[in-house]
Amino acid sequence: MMRALAKDGVVEDPKRCAYDPKALVGTAAGECGTFTAADADIVRNIVGRSAPSE
């Protein structure tokens, strides 16, 4: 199995990363307020991944 993270901890290929930004929904995002479902969708669009099926 190929790894998505390099040895330095940086994601080399976001499309192979299994992390779902939806896990951040409801958490503080500094002065920007709270991380929302719309924010999670934006992150998914940036890395070119669809939402995982539930």
C-alpha atoms as a PDB file:
ATOM      1  CA  MET A   1       0.000   0.000   0.000  1.00  0.00           C
ATOM      2  CA  MET A   2       1.327   3.420  -0.950  1.00  0.00           C
ATOM      3  CA  ARG A   3       1.482   6.122   1.669  1.00  0.00           C
ATOM      4  CA  ALA A   4      -0.070   9.573   1.211  1.00  0.00           C
ATOM      5  CA  LEU A   5       2.295  11.177   3.752  1.00  0.00           C
ATOM      6  CA  ALA A   6       5.955  11.871   3.180  1.00  0.00           C
ATOM      7  CA  LYS A   7       8.454  11.222   5.943  1.00  0.00           C
ATOM      8  CA  ASP A   8       8.213  14.904   6.910  1.00  0.00           C
ATOM      9  CA  GLY A   9       4.460  14.566   7.599  1.00  0.00           C
ATOM     10  CA  VAL A  10       3.333  16.584   4.575  1.00  0.00           C
ATOM     11  CA  VAL A  11       0.653  15.070   2.351  1.00  0.00           C
ATOM     12  CA  GLU A  12       2.365  14.198  -0.931  1.00  0.00           C
ATOM     13  CA  ASP A  13      -0.773  13.247  -2.830  1.00  0.00           C
ATOM     14  CA  PRO A  14      -4.018  14.610  -1.339  1.00  0.00           C
ATOM     15  CA  LYS A  15      -6.080  12.315  -3.584  1.00  0.00           C
ATOM     16  CA  ARG A  16      -4.646   9.277  -1.765  1.00  0.00           C
ATOM     17  CA  CYS A  17      -5.274  10.742   1.673  1.00  0.00           C
ATOM     18  CA  ALA A  18      -8.252   9.150   3.441  1.00  0.00           C
ATOM     19  CA  TYR A  19      -8.795  12.087   5.821  1.00  0.00           C
ATOM     20  CA  ASP A  20     -12.280  13.622   5.678  1.00  0.00           C
ATOM     21  CA  PRO A  21     -12.377  17.364   6.473  1.00  0.00           C
ATOM     22  CA  LYS A  22     -15.939  16.839   7.746  1.00  0.00           C
ATOM     23  CA  ALA A  23     -14.279  15.774  11.007  1.00  0.00           C
ATOM     24  CA  LEU A  24     -13.456  19.456  11.600  1.00  0.00           C
ATOM     25  CA  VAL A  25     -17.082  20.663  11.371  1.00  0.00           C
ATOM     26  CA  GLY A  26     -18.011  22.523  14.538  1.00  0.00           C
ATOM     27  CA  THR A  27     -14.445  23.208  15.644  1.00  0.00           C
ATOM     28  CA  ALA A  28     -12.992  26.685  16.162  1.00  0.00           C
ATOM     29  CA  ALA A  29     -11.266  28.197  13.131  1.00  0.00           C
ATOM     30  CA  GLY A  30      -9.543  31.103  14.860  1.00  0.00           C
ATOM     31  CA  GLU A  31     -10.893  34.560  14.110  1.00  0.00           C
ATOM     32  CA  CYS A  32     -12.858  33.134  11.172  1.00  0.00           C
ATOM     33  CA  GLY A  33     -15.427  31.497  13.452  1.00  0.00           C
ATOM     34  CA  THR A  34     -16.424  27.858  13.382  1.00  0.00           C
ATOM     35  CA  PHE A  35     -15.498  25.350  10.673  1.00  0.00           C
ATOM     36  CA  THR A  36     -18.704  24.499   8.770  1.00  0.00           C
ATOM     37  CA  ALA A  37     -19.912  21.754   6.423  1.00  0.00           C
ATOM     38  CA  ALA A  38     -19.538  24.273   3.582  1.00  0.00           C
ATOM     39  CA  ASP A  39     -15.882  24.747   4.588  1.00  0.00           C
ATOM     40  CA  ALA A  40     -15.389  20.975   4.470  1.00  0.00           C
ATOM     41  CA  ASP A  41     -16.888  20.912   0.964  1.00  0.00           C
ATOM     42  CA  ILE A  42     -14.465  23.632  -0.135  1.00  0.00           C
ATOM     43  CA  VAL A  43     -11.506  21.646   1.190  1.00  0.00           C
ATOM     44  CA  ARG A  44     -12.739  18.544  -0.653  1.00  0.00           C
ATOM     45  CA  ASN A  45     -13.076  20.579  -3.874  1.00  0.00           C
ATOM     46  CA  ILE A  46      -9.548  21.949  -3.532  1.00  0.00           C
ATOM     47  CA  VAL A  47      -8.014  18.487  -3.246  1.00  0.00           C
ATOM     48  CA  GLY A  48     -10.342  17.095  -5.901  1.00  0.00           C
ATOM     49  CA  ARG A  49     -12.080  14.473  -3.781  1.00  0.00           C
ATOM     50  CA  SER A  50     -15.742  13.692  -3.463  1.00  0.00           C
ATOM     51  CA  ALA A  51     -17.429  13.337  -0.100  1.00  0.00           C
ATOM     52  CA  PRO A  52     -17.165   9.834   1.339  1.00  0.00           C
ATOM     53  CA  SER A  53     -20.348   7.825   1.236  1.00  0.00           C
ATOM     54  CA  GLU A  54     -21.980   7.400   4.619  1.00  0.00           C
END
